[in-house]
Every structure is written in structure tokens, then in C-alpha cells.
Protein backbone atom coordinates (compact mmCIF):
# COMPACT_ATOMS: atom_id res chain seq x y z
CA UNK A 1 -0.44 0.33 -0.35
CA UNK A 2 2.81 2.74 0.93
CA UNK A 3 4.83 1.53 -1.79
CA UNK A 4 1.40 2.37 -4.51
CA UNK A 5 1.28 5.78 -2.91
CA UNK A 6 5.31 6.39 -3.43
CA UNK A 7 4.46 5.19 -7.19
CA UNK A 8 1.41 7.11 -7.40
CA UNK A 9 3.24 10.42 -5.98
CA UNK A 10 6.01 10.24 -8.37
CA UNK A 11 3.78 9.29 -11.54
CA UNK A 12 1.87 13.12 -10.05
CA UNK A 13 5.30 14.93 -9.74
CA UNK A 14 6.38 13.20 -13.38
CA UNK A 15 2.99 14.85 -14.73
CA UNK A 16 3.60 18.42 -13.49
CA UNK A 17 6.99 19.33 -13.71
CA UNK A 18 9.96 19.59 -16.29
CA UNK A 19 12.70 21.01 -14.56
CA UNK A 20 14.99 19.45 -16.35
CA UNK A 21 13.88 22.02 -19.34
CA UNK A 22 12.95 24.80 -17.05
CA UNK A 23 9.60 24.49 -17.64
CA UNK A 24 6.38 23.79 -15.36
CA UNK A 25 2.99 22.45 -16.00
CA UNK A 26 0.60 23.48 -12.86
CA UNK A 27 -2.22 22.14 -11.79
CA UNK A 28 -5.69 25.14 -12.83
CA UNK A 29 -5.74 25.06 -9.12
CA UNK A 30 -2.58 26.57 -8.23
CA UNK A 31 -2.48 28.58 -12.09
CA UNK A 32 -5.15 30.01 -10.85
CA UNK A 33 -3.84 30.99 -7.43
CA UNK A 34 -0.80 32.54 -8.26
CA UNK A 35 -2.88 34.55 -11.20
CA UNK A 36 -5.33 36.10 -8.83
CA UNK A 37 -2.07 37.11 -6.70
CA UNK A 38 -0.65 38.76 -9.18
CA UNK A 39 -3.88 40.67 -10.56
CA UNK A 40 -4.26 41.86 -7.23
CA UNK A 41 -0.98 43.00 -6.93
CA UNK A 42 -1.27 44.94 -10.54
CA UNK A 43 -4.03 46.27 -8.75
CA UNK A 44 -2.28 47.80 -6.30
CA UNK A 45 0.39 49.08 -8.16
CA UNK A 46 -2.16 50.71 -10.19
CA UNK A 47 -3.47 52.29 -7.26
CA UNK A 48 -0.33 53.49 -5.83
CA UNK A 49 0.29 55.27 -9.41
CA UNK A 50 -3.51 56.68 -9.04
CA UNK A 51 -2.13 58.18 -5.69
CA UNK A 52 1.01 59.70 -7.22
CA UNK A 53 -1.25 60.93 -10.10
CA UNK A 54 -3.44 62.65 -7.22
CA UNK A 55 -0.57 63.73 -5.08
CA UNK A 56 -1.50 61.67 -2.17
CA UNK A 57 0.06 62.01 0.89
CA UNK A 58 3.69 60.37 0.85
CA UNK A 59 2.87 58.33 4.28
CA UNK A 60 0.03 57.12 2.58
CA UNK A 61 1.49 56.01 -0.56
CA UNK A 62 4.48 54.76 1.28
CA UNK A 63 1.95 52.33 3.37
CA UNK A 64 0.68 51.00 -0.21
CA UNK A 65 3.77 50.48 -1.02
CA UNK A 66 4.29 47.97 1.95
CA UNK A 67 1.35 46.60 1.44
CA UNK A 68 2.34 45.45 -2.02
CA UNK A 69 5.89 44.28 -0.79
CA UNK A 70 4.11 41.92 1.53
CA UNK A 71 1.87 40.56 -1.18
CA UNK A 72 4.94 40.20 -3.92
CA UNK A 73 6.61 38.43 -0.57
CA UNK A 74 3.60 36.01 -0.01
CA UNK A 75 3.54 35.39 -3.52
CA UNK A 76 7.34 34.23 -3.37
CA UNK A 77 6.78 31.93 -0.56
CA UNK A 78 4.05 30.31 -2.42
CA UNK A 79 5.53 29.72 -5.21
CA UNK A 80 8.87 28.71 -3.31
CA UNK A 81 7.18 25.92 -1.41
CA UNK A 82 5.80 24.53 -4.59
CA UNK A 83 8.36 24.69 -6.17
CA UNK A 84 10.34 22.68 -3.67
CA UNK A 85 7.40 20.43 -3.19
CA UNK A 86 7.56 19.47 -7.12
CA UNK A 87 10.89 20.38 -8.67
CA UNK A 88 13.37 20.09 -6.01
CA UNK A 89 11.90 16.78 -4.66
CA UNK A 90 11.87 15.43 -8.41
CA UNK A 91 15.38 16.66 -8.71
CA UNK A 92 16.62 15.02 -5.78
CA UNK A 93 14.93 11.55 -6.29
CA UNK A 94 16.46 11.71 -9.68
CA UNK A 95 19.73 12.39 -8.61
CA UNK A 96 20.29 15.70 -10.11
CA UNK A 97 21.99 17.66 -6.84
CA UNK A 98 22.30 20.64 -8.76
CA UNK A 99 18.96 21.81 -7.79
CA UNK A 100 19.93 21.96 -4.39
CA UNK A 101 22.75 24.43 -5.13
CA UNK A 102 20.36 26.54 -7.80
CA UNK A 103 17.58 26.79 -4.96
CA UNK A 104 20.62 27.98 -2.61
CA UNK A 105 21.86 30.58 -5.36
CA UNK A 106 17.84 31.82 -5.29
CA UNK A 107 17.27 32.27 -1.48
CA UNK A 108 20.56 34.17 -1.58
CA UNK A 109 19.29 36.33 -4.49
CA UNK A 110 15.40 36.87 -2.34
CA UNK A 111 17.08 37.53 1.28
CA UNK A 112 18.68 40.69 -0.33
């Protein structure tokens, strides 16, 4: 039973990842969640632009910029988590340890 579950998980990972060619097929739910988050962030950016155009108070603009930064950080956390759970795990199982180096490089960039 456990062996059967592992095979199903492996099949699912293989269906949804293609990390060796630097693309990834996402589930419909994952795709919709990412696009919805990005649409909200895009709306926030347009709102900030509108505030600048209307000469809004600096602190009010900065508050909205902080909200966008938090939303982008949240997006990054979700995307990174999905990447680790799919691409990284799949590549490690296949013996592609260079994926860990790529992940560490990415984390360094995200933490600047």
C-alpha cells in the first residue's frame, strides 16, 4: 500500500514538472491562485500610480507600497514552496543534486 502511494506521488510529480527543461506544468488550481494573486498586486500597483498622479500624501503612498511588498513576498513564499514540493523533490529523487545549489542561489537572491 505504501509502495503504491509512493508510485502515485512519483507519477503526479512527473506529470506536473519538467524542471530539466526549465518549465513547469501547473495544476489549474495552482495556476488560478498565482494569476489571482498577481492580478491583485497589479491592481495595487495601479492604485499607487493613481495616488501619485493625484498628489497623495507620501505616508499614504508608502503604506500602500509596503502592502504591495508584503503581497509580493507572500507570492514568493507560495511559489517557492510549490517549487520545493515539486521540482526540487523530483530532481533530488532523480539524483540531480545541482538543483539544491540552484535553490540556495535563489534563496540568496530573495534574501537581499
